[in-house]
């Protein structure tokens, strides 16, 4: 493989890594911007997405004993809905009662992280699992070749991000979410049911994390701890882009994802995480609010 081929191949892989990071970090952004929660358990919703696609698309029997025969894309939607429901339940019954106390909220968030990890460990075991891939072929583009599953992950990631943009910008619920993020008290005075918006926002954010897990399920291994490293990088993306800024998460996701992929390919995986956080630290020294963040 020539130098040019290697560069382009690495760039495509970086795009996929960036989109997964953007899905996770967009959820973190929305949770912080709307609910004012630093959700340490967000990586576990990513993990639930991985197990969801393994379960719903892996021909595993449901409670009724009937094997799952769902199409991959339908299985992905079902997985996102399942993860969203779990997220809504966590927000309504666990986060909301302690929402006024930020210290308690952070501790509870950490507790949920460990609870979800332990639950997955009990239900699925510690062994790595791999979701079967719906795409087994290779697409040749001139002198380059790409696996169908990676291109499908890129396509699905772009689709989810575009749908999220139109949901936030064009729908009535999306506008209500932006109003609550801007000023919850003023939104409540205007008749916007903030409690309902909190639940919807949590559901959407967890569904995004679940989508990320579902996309990487057929490519990487699935285990109860698979969300730890991605959520750390997603925090770096959110801080780099600016807390609460979705465009910042988009830009930060591409910066971190592509940089990490190139460093992993040409230097080594052991050094890539170091570079990610050095970039974050450097940006924060130059601009404490992040690339697109604003001081409050």
Protein backbone atom coordinates (compact mmCIF):
# COMPACT_ATOMS: atom_id res chain seq x y z
CA UNK A 1 0.00 0.00 0.00
CA UNK A 2 1.40 3.38 -1.02
CA UNK A 3 1.68 6.37 1.32
CA UNK A 4 -1.31 8.07 -0.35
CA UNK A 5 -3.43 4.93 -0.01
CA UNK A 6 -2.50 4.59 3.64
CA UNK A 7 -3.36 8.22 4.34
CA UNK A 8 -6.78 7.97 2.71
CA UNK A 9 -7.55 4.63 4.37
CA UNK A 10 -6.62 6.08 7.76
CA UNK A 11 -8.72 9.18 7.08
CA UNK A 12 -11.82 7.04 6.35
CA UNK A 13 -11.26 5.09 9.57
CA UNK A 14 -10.89 8.42 11.37
CA UNK A 15 -14.22 9.61 10.00
CA UNK A 16 -15.95 6.53 11.45
CA UNK A 17 -14.25 6.99 14.83
CA UNK A 18 -15.24 10.67 14.79
CA UNK A 19 -18.91 9.93 14.09
CA UNK A 20 -19.09 7.46 16.98
CA UNK A 21 -17.52 10.06 19.28
CA UNK A 22 -19.94 12.71 18.01
CA UNK A 23 -22.94 10.49 18.78
CA UNK A 24 -21.75 9.98 22.36
CA UNK A 25 -20.57 13.54 22.97
CA UNK A 26 -23.74 15.08 21.47
CA UNK A 27 -25.73 13.25 24.12
CA UNK A 28 -23.39 14.48 26.84
CA UNK A 29 -23.76 18.01 25.47
CA UNK A 30 -27.55 17.90 25.53
CA UNK A 31 -27.70 16.37 29.00
CA UNK A 32 -25.43 19.09 30.36
CA UNK A 33 -27.09 21.91 28.44
CA UNK A 34 -30.70 20.95 29.25
CA UNK A 35 -30.56 19.00 32.51
CA UNK A 36 -27.33 20.53 33.84
CA UNK A 37 -26.07 17.03 34.63
CA UNK A 38 -22.52 15.71 34.18
CA UNK A 39 -23.60 12.18 33.34
CA UNK A 40 -20.73 9.87 34.24
CA UNK A 41 -22.95 6.88 33.40
CA UNK A 42 -23.26 7.91 29.74
CA UNK A 43 -20.70 5.35 28.60
CA UNK A 44 -22.86 2.59 30.04
CA UNK A 45 -25.72 3.58 27.74
CA UNK A 46 -23.22 3.18 24.90
CA UNK A 47 -22.47 -0.27 26.31
CA UNK A 48 -26.19 -1.09 26.44
CA UNK A 49 -26.37 -0.20 22.75
CA UNK A 50 -23.65 -2.75 22.00
CA UNK A 51 -25.41 -5.49 23.94
CA UNK A 52 -28.73 -4.43 22.41
CA UNK A 53 -27.57 -4.99 18.84
CA UNK A 54 -25.93 -8.26 19.91
CA UNK A 55 -29.24 -9.38 21.43
CA UNK A 56 -31.80 -8.11 18.93
CA UNK A 57 -29.74 -8.91 15.84
CA UNK A 58 -27.94 -11.98 17.14
CA UNK A 59 -30.79 -14.49 16.87
CA UNK A 60 -30.97 -14.69 20.66
CA UNK A 61 -34.36 -15.86 21.95
CA UNK A 62 -36.67 -13.34 23.53
CA UNK A 63 -38.44 -14.09 26.80
CA UNK A 64 -41.06 -15.98 24.79
CA UNK A 65 -38.39 -18.28 23.42
CA UNK A 66 -38.88 -17.02 19.86
CA UNK A 67 -35.52 -16.25 18.20
CA UNK A 68 -34.92 -12.71 17.01
CA UNK A 69 -35.02 -12.34 13.23
CA UNK A 70 -34.93 -8.56 13.07
CA UNK A 71 -33.30 -6.74 10.20
CA UNK A 72 -30.08 -5.02 11.30
CA UNK A 73 -31.43 -1.50 10.85
CA UNK A 74 -34.70 -2.36 12.61
CA UNK A 75 -32.66 -3.99 15.39
CA UNK A 76 -30.68 -0.77 15.69
CA UNK A 77 -33.89 1.29 16.05
CA UNK A 78 -35.25 -1.14 18.64
CA UNK A 79 -31.94 -0.91 20.51
CA UNK A 80 -32.08 2.91 20.52
CA UNK A 81 -35.66 2.83 21.84
CA UNK A 82 -34.70 0.32 24.54
CA UNK A 83 -31.71 2.41 25.68
CA UNK A 84 -33.87 5.58 25.60
CA UNK A 85 -36.45 3.94 27.88
CA UNK A 86 -33.73 2.97 30.35
CA UNK A 87 -32.40 6.53 30.24
CA UNK A 88 -35.84 8.05 30.83
CA UNK A 89 -36.39 5.76 33.82
CA UNK A 90 -33.00 6.73 35.29
CA UNK A 91 -33.73 10.45 34.86
CA UNK A 92 -37.25 10.32 36.27
CA UNK A 93 -36.76 8.02 39.24
CA UNK A 94 -33.09 8.54 40.18
CA UNK A 95 -31.67 11.81 38.83
CA UNK A 96 -34.72 14.03 39.27
CA UNK A 97 -35.18 13.51 43.04
CA UNK A 98 -31.59 14.72 43.67
CA UNK A 99 -31.40 17.22 40.81
CA UNK A 100 -31.19 20.25 43.11
CA UNK A 101 -28.04 18.96 44.81
CA UNK A 102 -25.19 18.84 42.29
CA UNK A 103 -22.81 16.95 44.57
CA UNK A 104 -25.39 14.23 45.21
CA UNK A 105 -26.21 14.14 41.51
CA UNK A 106 -22.59 13.47 40.55
CA UNK A 107 -22.29 10.70 43.14
CA UNK A 108 -25.56 9.14 41.98
CA UNK A 109 -24.36 9.32 38.37
CA UNK A 110 -21.22 7.41 39.33
CA UNK A 111 -23.37 4.90 41.19
CA UNK A 112 -25.54 4.31 38.12
CA UNK A 113 -22.38 3.70 36.10
CA UNK A 114 -21.30 0.89 38.41
CA UNK A 115 -24.84 -0.51 38.70
CA UNK A 116 -25.22 -0.78 34.92
CA UNK A 117 -21.76 -2.33 34.56
CA UNK A 118 -22.50 -4.89 37.26
CA UNK A 119 -25.94 -5.64 35.80
CA UNK A 120 -24.43 -6.30 32.36
CA UNK A 121 -21.76 -8.46 33.97
CA UNK A 122 -24.39 -10.59 35.72
CA UNK A 123 -26.70 -10.84 32.70
CA UNK A 124 -24.16 -11.38 29.92
CA UNK A 125 -20.98 -12.51 31.67
CA UNK A 126 -17.44 -11.10 31.49
CA UNK A 127 -16.53 -12.68 28.14
CA UNK A 128 -16.15 -10.48 25.06
CA UNK A 129 -18.98 -10.86 22.60
CA UNK A 130 -19.27 -9.95 18.95
CA UNK A 131 -22.45 -9.07 17.10
CA UNK A 132 -22.73 -10.75 13.75
CA UNK A 133 -22.17 -8.36 10.90
CA UNK A 134 -24.88 -7.79 8.27
CA UNK A 135 -22.17 -6.70 5.87
CA UNK A 136 -19.45 -9.16 5.02
CA UNK A 137 -18.15 -7.76 1.78
CA UNK A 138 -15.52 -5.30 0.68
CA UNK A 139 -16.08 -2.28 -1.57
CA UNK A 140 -13.25 -1.44 -3.96
CA UNK A 141 -12.80 2.19 -4.93
CA UNK A 142 -9.96 2.37 -7.38
CA UNK A 143 -6.84 1.28 -5.53
CA UNK A 144 -8.58 1.47 -2.12
CA UNK A 145 -10.79 -1.10 -0.42
CA UNK A 146 -13.17 -0.57 2.49
CA UNK A 147 -15.22 -3.03 4.49
CA UNK A 148 -18.96 -2.67 4.01
CA UNK A 149 -19.57 -2.64 7.76
CA UNK A 150 -17.37 0.43 8.29
CA UNK A 151 -18.99 2.33 5.42
CA UNK A 152 -22.41 1.33 6.78
CA UNK A 153 -21.39 2.64 10.21
CA UNK A 154 -20.37 5.95 8.62
CA UNK A 155 -23.64 6.19 6.68
CA UNK A 156 -25.78 5.37 9.72
CA UNK A 157 -23.79 7.78 11.91
CA UNK A 158 -24.26 10.65 9.46
CA UNK A 159 -27.98 9.84 9.18
CA UNK A 160 -28.51 9.88 12.96
CA UNK A 161 -26.63 13.18 13.33
CA UNK A 162 -28.65 14.82 10.53
CA UNK A 163 -31.92 13.58 12.08
CA UNK A 164 -30.79 14.96 15.45
CA UNK A 165 -30.09 18.36 13.87
CA UNK A 166 -33.54 18.58 12.29
CA UNK A 167 -35.16 17.34 15.51
CA UNK A 168 -33.47 20.05 17.58
CA UNK A 169 -33.86 22.87 15.05
CA UNK A 170 -37.18 22.16 13.32
CA UNK A 171 -39.55 20.32 15.66
CA UNK A 172 -41.71 21.78 18.40
CA UNK A 173 -40.14 19.52 21.03
CA UNK A 174 -36.66 20.46 19.83
CA UNK A 175 -37.45 24.16 20.17
CA UNK A 176 -38.84 23.52 23.65
CA UNK A 177 -35.61 21.73 24.56
CA UNK A 178 -33.60 24.74 23.41
CA UNK A 179 -35.84 27.04 25.43
CA UNK A 180 -35.37 24.95 28.57
CA UNK A 181 -31.62 24.87 27.98
CA UNK A 182 -31.57 28.68 27.67
CA UNK A 183 -33.70 29.49 30.75
CA UNK A 184 -35.69 26.73 32.52
CA UNK A 185 -37.68 29.15 34.69
CA UNK A 186 -38.71 31.33 31.76
CA UNK A 187 -39.66 28.20 29.79
CA UNK A 188 -41.85 27.03 32.68
CA UNK A 189 -43.59 30.43 32.80
CA UNK A 190 -44.29 30.11 29.07
CA UNK A 191 -46.11 26.83 29.75
CA UNK A 192 -43.38 24.41 28.66
CA UNK A 193 -43.53 21.27 30.84
CA UNK A 194 -39.90 21.17 31.92
CA UNK A 195 -40.19 17.78 33.61
CA UNK A 196 -41.43 16.21 30.39
CA UNK A 197 -38.70 17.95 28.41
CA UNK A 198 -36.07 16.65 30.84
CA UNK A 199 -37.28 13.08 30.26
CA UNK A 200 -37.38 13.49 26.49
CA UNK A 201 -33.91 15.04 26.46
CA UNK A 202 -32.50 12.19 28.55
CA UNK A 203 -34.16 9.65 26.26
CA UNK A 204 -32.75 11.29 23.13
CA UNK A 205 -29.26 11.55 24.63
CA UNK A 206 -29.21 7.91 25.73
CA UNK A 207 -30.58 6.82 22.34
CA UNK A 208 -27.63 8.59 20.69
CA UNK A 209 -25.18 6.72 22.93
CA UNK A 210 -27.05 3.50 22.19
CA UNK A 211 -26.76 4.16 18.47
CA UNK A 212 -23.00 4.52 18.85
CA UNK A 213 -22.78 1.21 20.68
CA UNK A 214 -24.98 -0.49 18.10
CA UNK A 215 -22.80 0.77 15.25
CA UNK A 216 -19.55 -0.53 16.72
CA UNK A 217 -21.10 -3.80 17.90
CA UNK A 218 -20.43 -5.70 14.65
CA UNK A 219 -16.92 -4.20 14.34
CA UNK A 220 -15.43 -4.39 17.86
CA UNK A 221 -15.92 -6.59 20.89
CA UNK A 222 -18.80 -6.02 23.29
CA UNK A 223 -18.33 -6.28 27.05
CA UNK A 224 -19.64 -4.61 30.24
CA UNK A 225 -16.73 -2.15 30.33
CA UNK A 226 -16.70 -1.10 26.67
CA UNK A 227 -18.14 2.34 27.45
CA UNK A 228 -15.40 3.53 29.81
CA UNK A 229 -12.79 4.65 27.28
CA UNK A 230 -15.23 6.13 24.71
CA UNK A 231 -16.98 8.26 27.35
CA UNK A 232 -13.64 9.64 28.60
CA UNK A 233 -12.84 10.70 25.04
CA UNK A 234 -16.37 12.07 24.66
CA UNK A 235 -15.84 14.24 27.75
CA UNK A 236 -12.67 15.51 26.09
CA UNK A 237 -14.68 16.29 22.94
CA UNK A 238 -17.38 18.14 24.90
CA UNK A 239 -14.85 20.20 26.86
CA UNK A 240 -12.83 20.89 23.73
CA UNK A 241 -15.87 22.04 21.75
CA UNK A 242 -17.43 23.97 24.62
CA UNK A 243 -19.83 22.68 27.26
CA UNK A 244 -23.39 22.64 25.97
CA UNK A 245 -22.44 23.45 22.35
CA UNK A 246 -23.63 20.88 19.79
CA UNK A 247 -21.65 22.48 16.93
CA UNK A 248 -18.66 22.40 19.27
CA UNK A 249 -19.20 18.68 19.86
CA UNK A 250 -19.32 18.16 16.09
CA UNK A 251 -16.05 20.01 15.49
CA UNK A 252 -14.37 18.54 18.56
CA UNK A 253 -15.46 15.04 17.57
CA UNK A 254 -13.78 15.30 14.18
CA UNK A 255 -10.62 16.81 15.67
CA UNK A 256 -10.28 14.11 18.33
CA UNK A 257 -11.45 11.17 16.19
CA UNK A 258 -9.24 11.85 13.18
CA UNK A 259 -6.21 12.83 15.27
CA UNK A 260 -6.50 9.71 17.41
CA UNK A 261 -6.79 7.46 14.36
CA UNK A 262 -3.71 8.93 12.67
CA UNK A 263 -1.67 8.76 15.87
CA UNK A 264 -2.75 5.14 16.44
CA UNK A 265 -1.82 4.19 12.87
CA UNK A 266 1.51 5.96 12.60
CA UNK A 267 2.75 6.11 16.21
CA UNK A 268 0.86 3.56 18.28
CA UNK A 269 -2.37 3.08 20.22
CA UNK A 270 -0.58 3.56 23.55
CA UNK A 271 0.18 7.21 22.65
CA UNK A 272 -3.14 8.19 21.06
CA UNK A 273 -5.03 8.84 24.31
CA UNK A 274 -2.16 11.03 25.54
CA UNK A 275 -2.40 13.15 22.39
CA UNK A 276 -6.19 13.46 22.75
CA UNK A 277 -5.95 14.96 26.22
CA UNK A 278 -2.94 17.10 25.35
CA UNK A 279 -5.04 18.69 22.60
CA UNK A 280 -7.86 19.29 25.09
CA UNK A 281 -5.49 20.85 27.64
CA UNK A 282 -3.84 23.04 25.00
CA UNK A 283 -7.18 24.39 23.75
CA UNK A 284 -8.41 25.07 27.29
CA UNK A 285 -5.21 26.99 28.12
CA UNK A 286 -5.74 29.18 25.04
CA UNK A 287 -9.54 29.33 25.36
CA UNK A 288 -10.94 28.22 28.75
CA UNK A 289 -14.53 28.01 27.46
CA UNK A 290 -13.61 25.66 24.61
CA UNK A 291 -13.77 26.30 20.88
CA UNK A 292 -17.43 27.38 20.72
CA UNK A 293 -18.34 27.66 24.40
CA UNK A 294 -19.41 30.85 26.12
CA UNK A 295 -18.63 32.02 29.63
CA UNK A 296 -21.62 32.08 31.95
